[in-house]
Amino acid sequence: MTSSNSRLVGDRMDVTCGRLYATYARFWQQPARGSLVPEFFILMHQVVRASVPLMECATSLCAGEHADPVCRVLAPYLATHIAEERHHDEWLLDDLAAAGVPKDDVLGAIPPRSVAALVGAQYYWVRHCHPVAIVGYMRVLEGNPPSDAHIERLRRESGLPADAFRTYALHGSADLGHRDDLDALLDALPLSESQMHLIWLSAFHTAEALADCLDGIQPGDGRPLNVRDGVRPQADV
């Protein structure tokens, strides 16, 4: 029996994304995890603010030079998802303000290279290979939503107000449905072997780059590292 596209991608991710899963577990098991919540939300904002522009780029290419049977299925999905994700970056800024991190500080910070690598690779693959690459990226980012218990524990240990967790909680509830939608999309796409490999490569890179992002967050002096002095220090520079 031939496995479905979603099963093939999921099975490969279980094998190759182990570092990300271990990094998430280690990150949230730190004794100081409560103090890392603002920094984590800043990372979320740096990634989320690129989501709609990236999907819009992929959608425009679906109707242009890459138009093919895969794009005819992918484009309507992206259009719906763009509408669902729009303004989430602004919501995160409001949440961070509730956590005591001013909007201008977040927007004025230079994201680390790990974030640029995470998102930038997608622009390359989407534009120069095929827009379907974005499916692997989305499958990783929406594949492990936070539980209500996890969010409540962070709220309690961080001492931050409930308003600071609004967008994180929203993703915890919405991403379960988004993951199912992505699996349904994968199974509906008439993918070639090359396109399947591109989706997996995108997913693998996303998992590795996201693990790098998390590894770059360390306990500091109480101020979010991502906005300290406007830049993120790089250990390997």
Protein backbone atom coordinates (compact mmCIF):
# COMPACT_ATOMS: atom_id res chain seq x y z
CA MET A 1 0.00 0.00 0.00
CA THR A 2 1.31 3.45 -0.94
CA SER A 3 1.58 5.89 1.97
CA SER A 4 -0.12 9.27 1.72
CA ASN A 5 1.92 12.41 1.22
CA SER A 6 1.14 13.60 4.75
CA ARG A 7 2.20 10.28 6.23
CA LEU A 8 5.47 10.29 4.29
CA VAL A 9 6.29 13.86 5.38
CA GLY A 10 5.25 13.17 8.99
CA ASP A 11 7.35 10.00 9.19
CA ARG A 12 10.43 11.77 7.85
CA MET A 13 9.92 14.66 10.25
CA ASP A 14 9.72 12.25 13.20
CA VAL A 15 13.18 10.99 12.26
CA THR A 16 14.91 14.19 11.17
CA CYS A 17 13.38 16.81 13.47
CA GLY A 18 14.50 15.16 16.69
CA ARG A 19 16.88 17.97 17.56
CA LEU A 20 14.06 20.52 17.51
CA TYR A 21 11.86 18.41 19.77
CA ALA A 22 14.74 17.91 22.21
CA THR A 23 15.58 21.62 22.11
CA TYR A 24 12.00 22.61 22.90
CA ALA A 25 11.94 20.16 25.81
CA ARG A 26 15.26 21.41 27.18
CA PHE A 27 14.26 25.06 26.71
CA TRP A 28 11.04 24.74 28.69
CA GLN A 29 12.62 22.60 31.41
CA GLN A 30 15.02 25.35 32.48
CA PRO A 31 14.51 26.56 36.05
CA ALA A 32 14.44 30.15 34.72
CA ARG A 33 11.87 29.42 32.02
CA GLY A 34 9.44 32.01 33.36
CA SER A 35 11.97 34.79 32.81
CA LEU A 36 12.50 33.67 29.21
CA VAL A 37 8.88 34.19 28.16
CA PRO A 38 9.33 37.78 26.84
CA GLU A 39 12.39 36.72 24.84
CA PHE A 40 10.47 33.76 23.41
CA PHE A 41 7.58 36.02 22.42
CA ILE A 42 10.01 38.41 20.70
CA LEU A 43 11.30 35.45 18.70
CA MET A 44 7.70 34.55 17.86
CA HIS A 45 7.09 38.07 16.62
CA GLN A 46 10.23 38.08 14.47
CA VAL A 47 9.05 34.89 12.77
CA VAL A 48 5.32 35.63 12.63
CA ARG A 49 5.72 39.08 11.06
CA ALA A 50 7.26 37.35 8.03
CA SER A 51 4.44 34.81 7.66
CA VAL A 52 1.91 36.80 5.64
CA PRO A 53 4.49 38.44 3.32
CA LEU A 54 6.05 35.01 2.67
CA MET A 55 2.69 33.44 1.88
CA GLU A 56 1.80 36.40 -0.35
CA CYS A 57 5.06 35.90 -2.23
CA ALA A 58 4.31 32.20 -2.71
CA THR A 59 0.74 32.98 -3.82
CA SER A 60 1.90 35.47 -6.45
CA LEU A 61 4.33 32.92 -7.87
CA CYS A 62 1.59 30.30 -7.98
CA ALA A 63 -0.21 32.52 -10.49
CA GLY A 64 2.97 33.37 -12.38
CA GLU A 65 6.05 31.57 -13.55
CA HIS A 66 5.48 28.47 -11.39
CA ALA A 67 1.80 27.94 -12.28
CA ASP A 68 1.09 24.20 -12.53
CA PRO A 69 -1.40 21.65 -11.12
CA VAL A 70 0.27 21.83 -7.68
CA CYS A 71 -0.07 25.61 -7.60
CA ARG A 72 -3.73 25.41 -8.55
CA VAL A 73 -4.36 23.50 -5.31
CA LEU A 74 -1.83 25.41 -3.18
CA ALA A 75 -2.92 28.96 -4.03
CA PRO A 76 -6.48 28.78 -2.59
CA TYR A 77 -5.14 27.23 0.61
CA LEU A 78 -2.61 30.04 1.02
CA ALA A 79 -5.25 32.70 0.36
CA THR A 80 -7.38 31.30 3.18
CA HIS A 81 -4.42 30.98 5.53
CA ILE A 82 -3.25 34.53 4.82
CA ALA A 83 -6.63 35.81 5.99
CA GLU A 84 -6.36 33.69 9.15
CA GLU A 85 -2.83 34.84 10.00
CA ARG A 86 -3.10 38.53 9.16
CA HIS A 87 -2.38 40.93 12.07
CA HIS A 88 -1.00 38.20 14.36
CA ASP A 89 2.30 40.09 14.47
CA GLU A 90 0.45 43.18 15.70
CA TRP A 91 -1.30 41.09 18.35
CA LEU A 92 2.08 39.85 19.56
CA LEU A 93 3.29 43.44 19.90
CA ASP A 94 0.27 44.14 22.10
CA ASP A 95 1.02 41.04 24.16
CA LEU A 96 4.65 42.09 24.60
CA ALA A 97 3.54 45.55 25.66
CA ALA A 98 1.40 43.87 28.32
CA ALA A 99 4.58 42.02 29.38
CA GLY A 100 6.44 45.33 29.72
CA VAL A 101 8.35 45.28 26.42
CA PRO A 102 7.65 48.46 24.40
CA LYS A 103 6.64 48.09 20.76
CA ASP A 104 9.44 50.35 19.53
CA ASP A 105 12.03 48.22 21.30
CA VAL A 106 10.78 45.08 19.56
CA LEU A 107 10.58 46.66 16.11
CA GLY A 108 13.92 48.42 16.53
CA ALA A 109 15.86 45.27 17.36
CA ILE A 110 17.86 43.51 14.64
CA PRO A 111 16.78 39.86 14.48
CA PRO A 112 19.61 37.33 14.83
CA ARG A 113 21.05 35.45 11.88
CA SER A 114 19.18 32.33 12.97
CA VAL A 115 15.85 34.06 12.29
CA ALA A 116 17.06 35.36 8.91
CA ALA A 117 18.21 31.85 8.02
CA LEU A 118 14.91 30.36 9.15
CA VAL A 119 12.76 32.64 6.99
CA GLY A 120 15.19 33.62 4.27
CA ALA A 121 15.70 30.08 3.00
CA GLN A 122 11.98 29.88 2.31
CA TYR A 123 12.07 32.93 0.05
CA TYR A 124 14.88 31.32 -1.92
CA TRP A 125 13.18 27.95 -2.33
CA VAL A 126 9.77 29.49 -3.03
CA ARG A 127 11.10 31.84 -5.70
CA HIS A 128 13.85 29.76 -7.27
CA CYS A 129 12.52 26.19 -6.88
CA HIS A 130 8.76 26.01 -6.30
CA PRO A 131 6.20 27.73 -4.02
CA VAL A 132 5.25 24.36 -2.52
CA ALA A 133 8.41 24.59 -0.39
CA ILE A 134 6.43 26.75 2.03
CA VAL A 135 4.34 23.72 3.04
CA GLY A 136 7.30 22.14 4.83
CA TYR A 137 7.98 25.38 6.68
CA MET A 138 4.38 25.71 7.78
CA ARG A 139 4.11 22.06 8.77
CA VAL A 140 6.93 22.48 11.30
CA LEU A 141 5.82 25.84 12.70
CA GLU A 142 2.23 24.69 13.19
CA GLY A 143 2.97 21.07 14.04
CA ASN A 144 3.53 21.34 17.80
CA PRO A 145 1.02 23.74 19.37
CA PRO A 146 1.37 24.55 23.10
CA SER A 147 -1.06 22.93 25.53
CA ASP A 148 -3.31 24.85 27.90
CA ALA A 149 -1.40 23.38 30.85
CA HIS A 150 1.93 24.58 29.42
CA ILE A 151 0.60 28.09 28.87
CA GLU A 152 -0.87 28.27 32.37
CA ARG A 153 2.40 27.09 33.91
CA LEU A 154 4.35 29.79 32.05
CA ARG A 155 1.85 32.44 33.05
CA ARG A 156 2.16 31.42 36.69
CA GLU A 157 5.96 31.13 36.73
CA SER A 158 6.60 34.29 34.72
CA GLY A 159 4.25 36.43 36.81
CA LEU A 160 3.09 38.12 33.61
CA PRO A 161 -0.56 39.10 33.09
CA ALA A 162 -2.90 36.85 31.15
CA ASP A 163 -3.06 39.50 28.39
CA ALA A 164 0.57 38.74 27.55
CA PHE A 165 -0.40 35.20 26.49
CA ARG A 166 -3.35 35.94 24.21
CA THR A 167 -1.68 35.20 20.88
CA TYR A 168 0.30 32.22 22.21
CA ALA A 169 -2.93 30.72 23.53
CA LEU A 170 -4.66 31.40 20.22
CA HIS A 171 -1.99 29.45 18.37
CA GLY A 172 -2.31 26.65 20.88
CA SER A 173 -5.97 26.19 19.97
CA ALA A 174 -5.82 27.06 16.25
CA ASP A 175 -2.69 25.21 15.19
CA LEU A 176 -4.22 21.78 15.84
CA GLY A 177 -6.74 22.53 13.11
CA HIS A 178 -4.08 24.12 10.92
CA ARG A 179 -1.94 20.98 11.17
CA ASP A 180 -4.87 18.84 10.05
CA ASP A 181 -5.54 21.28 7.20
CA LEU A 182 -1.91 21.07 6.11
CA ASP A 183 -2.02 17.27 6.10
CA ALA A 184 -5.19 17.40 4.00
CA LEU A 185 -3.45 19.83 1.64
CA LEU A 186 -0.43 17.54 1.33
CA ASP A 187 -2.68 14.64 0.39
CA ALA A 188 -4.54 16.75 -2.19
CA LEU A 189 -1.39 18.01 -3.92
CA PRO A 190 -0.28 16.06 -7.04
CA LEU A 191 3.35 16.13 -5.96
CA SER A 192 6.29 14.89 -7.94
CA GLU A 193 9.14 13.09 -6.20
CA SER A 194 11.24 16.26 -6.50
CA GLN A 195 8.52 18.39 -4.94
CA MET A 196 8.12 15.94 -2.07
CA HIS A 197 11.85 16.18 -1.43
CA LEU A 198 11.67 19.98 -1.50
CA ILE A 199 8.91 19.96 1.13
CA TRP A 200 10.91 17.65 3.36
CA LEU A 201 14.10 19.71 2.88
CA SER A 202 12.17 22.84 3.81
CA ALA A 203 10.78 21.13 6.91
CA PHE A 204 14.18 19.83 7.96
CA HIS A 205 15.83 23.22 7.54
CA THR A 206 12.99 24.90 9.44
CA ALA A 207 13.40 22.50 12.34
CA GLU A 208 17.17 23.00 12.48
CA ALA A 209 16.99 26.80 12.17
CA LEU A 210 14.24 27.03 14.79
CA ALA A 211 16.36 24.95 17.17
CA ASP A 212 19.21 27.42 16.54
CA CYS A 213 16.85 30.29 17.41
CA LEU A 214 15.89 28.65 20.69
CA ASP A 215 19.50 27.82 21.54
CA GLY A 216 20.29 31.53 21.19
CA ILE A 217 17.94 32.47 24.03
CA GLN A 218 19.73 32.49 27.37
CA PRO A 219 18.81 33.91 30.80
CA GLY A 220 20.09 37.47 31.14
CA ASP A 221 19.74 40.46 33.41
CA GLY A 222 15.97 40.56 33.32
CA ARG A 223 15.69 42.56 30.10
CA PRO A 224 14.85 40.66 26.90
CA LEU A 225 18.09 39.87 25.10
CA ASN A 226 16.55 40.52 21.70
CA VAL A 227 15.99 44.19 22.48
CA ARG A 228 19.05 44.85 24.65
CA ASP A 229 20.93 47.73 23.03
CA GLY A 230 18.97 47.15 19.82
CA VAL A 231 20.84 44.02 18.72
CA ARG A 232 21.11 40.36 19.55
CA PRO A 233 24.61 39.34 20.59
CA GLN A 234 26.08 36.51 18.54
CA ALA A 235 28.24 33.99 20.37
CA ASP A 236 30.07 32.89 17.22
CA VAL A 237 30.99 36.29 15.76
